[in-house]
Amino acid sequence: MVLAIVFVVLIFVVPTRELVGGASIALMLVLMFMKLPIGLALTIPGVIGMYSISGFRAMENIMTSTPISATASWSLSVLPMFILMGMLLASSGITSRVYLAARLWTGWLPGGLAVGTNVAGAGLAAVSGSTIANSFALGRVGIPEMLRSRYDRRLAVGSVIMAGLPGQLIPPSTFLIIVAGITGAAVGPQLIAGIVPGLLMVAMVCITIVLFSVFAPRLAGRSKEQREEAAMEEGATATWRERFASLSGVWPLLVLFLAIFGTMFGGILTATEAGAMGAFVAVLLAMYFRRGDHPLKHVLKGAREAVSTVGAIFFVLIGAHVLTQLIAVTRIGTLFSDTIIGLGLDRIGFLVVVMVVYLILGMFMDPLAILLLTIPILQPTIEGLGIDLLWFGVFAVIMGELAILTPPVGVLTFIMHGLSQDKEVNLGTKISLKDIFVAVLWFLPTILILVVLLIVFPEWVTFLPNLM
C-alpha cells in the first residue's frame, strides 16, 4: 500500500511525460502484486497518469470513450462464441472419450499413456481454448492412469501440464484473439497462425516423453522389475477393434474443426461467423450428449459461465486500452523502440532479449497481464524491425504461457499441485510442490527449443495464414 501511494505521488511530481509513464507502469505492477483485479490494476494507473499529463478533460474523455472503443469491435465478437463453445463442450463429457481414444492409439509407444495424454490435449485444445481447463480435465483422468501403470509421479504430472499448453495456440485461442485486438491484426489469420506451432509443441513434447521412456525406462514403468510387478499399461495390448471403436467418441472434434476452421480457412465464413457456427454446433452436441440428463439446464449453465467469463475479459481489455493510450501519450513505446534500434540489435537479437524479459516477468505476473503490458510497448519496435505481427502474436502467447509454469507465481503448477493432493488422483502417492516444479523443469527446454526454431524459421507460423 505504501509503495502504491509513493508511485501515485511520483506520477504528479516527476518533470517529464516519460517519467510519468514509467511511474504509472510501476504503480500497475504494485497493484497487481496487491492482488487487485487485472482490469483495475491496468485502468487506475492509466487514468491517474492521463490526468497528470493532460488534465481532467482528457481523463474524463478516456473514461467515457474507452469502454466502447475497446470492446465494441467486430473482430472481438468471435470471443463470446468461442468461450460459449468451450463451456458447452466441457459439460458434455467429451474429455474422457478423447483421452480413451488417444490412450488406445498411442499405448504401444514407450511412455504411451503420457503421449496419449498430450494427443488428447491437442484434441481438447481445438474445442476449448483454455490451458488450465484442459490440464485440469486431463489431470483427473490421466494422472491416476499413469500412476497405476507405475509411471514416475513427476513424468505423470509433467506430461499433463504440457498437454494443456497448446490450449492457447491451437484455435480457438482466447489469448490469440486478445493479442489480435491489441495489435490490430485480423483475428482469422491470427488464429490460423497458431495451428502449426501448437501441433509442433505437441509433437516435440511427445518425442521428449518417448526419449525419457527409452533412456530412463523406470520413469514410464518400463523397467524389468516394474513389468514383473504389474501388467503392461492398457493400450499397449489394445486390439484394432477397440481402437477404431474409440473413435466413435471423438467425432465431435472433427465436426467442430470442419465447421469452424474448414469454413474460415476456405474463405466461406469470417472468423466471427465461424465462431457463431461453432457455438451453434456445440449447443447441438451438448443437447445430444446430455440427452436424458436435463440438456437445456447444461446449455443455460454454459451460457451463464460464458457471459461471466467474457465480462471479465472485456474488463481487462478496457484496462489494457487505457494503459495503451497512456503509453502513446508518454511516448514510452517510441523511446523504447529508439533505444533498441540504437543498440543495433537485429531481429534475432531483439527476440532473444524479449525471451529473457518474458521469462523474468513470468516469475511474477500471469500471462494475460504480461501480454497486455508488453505488446503496446514493444509494437513500435516490432514494426520497426519488420517482424510479422501474426508471428509475434504466436511468439508472445507461447512465452506468456510459460508464465503459468514458472515460480513463484506459476498458476498452473499450483493448480496441478492442488489437484494431485486428491486421493482419487494420486492413489496414495505423495506428490509435493517440488515434484511439480521438477516436472516443469524437465520439459521447459523442449518449449524453449520450439521458440528458437520459430525464430529461425518464422515461415512455419505465417505460411498457413498466407494461404487464406
Foldseek 3Di string as FASTA:
>chain_A
DVLLVVLLVQLQPDDALLSNLVSLVVSLLVVVLVVDQLLCSLAVSLLSNCCNPPNDVRSVVLVVPLLCVLQVDPLCLLQLLLLLQQLLVLVLPLLVLQLQLLLLQQVQAQLSLLLSLLVSLLLSLQRHQALLSQLLSSLLVRQVLQVQLQADNLSSSLSSSLSSLLSQQQPPHPLLSLLCSVLVNRSLLLNLLSRLLSVVSSVLVSVLSRVCCVVPVSNRLRDPVSCVVDPHRPSSPDDPVSNVVSVVSSVLSVVLCCQQVVCCLVVNDPNNVSSNSSSVSSLVSQCVSCPVPPSVVSSVVSSVVSVVVVVSVSSSSSSLVSSLVSCVVSVLLVVVLVVVVVVVDALVRVVVVVLVVLLVVLQRDALVSCSSPVCSSCVVNCVVNVHDSSLVSSLSSLSNSCSLCHPDNNVSLVVSQVSCVPCSSVVPDDDDSVSSNVSNVSCVVSSVVSSVVCSVVVCSSNVSSVSD
